[in-house]
């Protein structure tokens, strides 16, 4: 795939993704009061999780679209870097909310594992504050890009483990599928952080990785929000 074609695919997907994720956030917010009382707290947590995700990705992929429109990623590297910083912060707290969703869904209690996962958050934020991250660059420094993402991977894989462990134990199909989506998102993401510097085309795996997050949002909506049946139109007798 040529660089020009890759740019058009990325821009088209990014615009479509932002439209979908924000539209779903609007629908979830508008219909939140219709969620049964027993599921409303979890539904509200999902809503906030995806507001965080959408805010960060508006900076991340939105700024990349703007950078392409203004001449390219290298010519607007500070804008691209600022977007990467925004999503690095919000996706961290996305997984914090996902952890509390697990706690609410499965009546879980925080123990050594859960507190260890929470401990990765301040460590990741401190690592992200080092100037060596070079947030003004369109491509992160190799070592610091891996180092700061290590703590996100630990947090995300920990949440994945909790979702799959307890959903299998309780036969919770909804959360088991969410766990699978998190699993595949990391399977797509890992080659990107490891090899995209040497093989740029691997960066396209960010598309299916992002689709996994959208799948979680749709699973949450169709699994927790009541779906209103459409009444058939009355047939008039002639």
Foldseek 3Di string as FASTA:
>chain_A
DDPVVVLVVLLVLLVVLLVLLVVLLVVLVVQLVQFPPLCSVLSVLLSVLSVLQSQLSCQASVLQNVQVVVPHCQVQLQSNLVSVVSNLLSNLVSLVSLQVSLCSVQVDDDDPLNVVLVVLNVVLVVLVPDCQQVSSGNDGDLVSLVVSVVSVCSSLVSSLCSQCVVCVVVVPVLSNLLSVLSVVLVVLVVCCSVPCVPVVVSVVSNSSSSVSVVVNSVSSCPVGRDDDDDDDDDDDDD
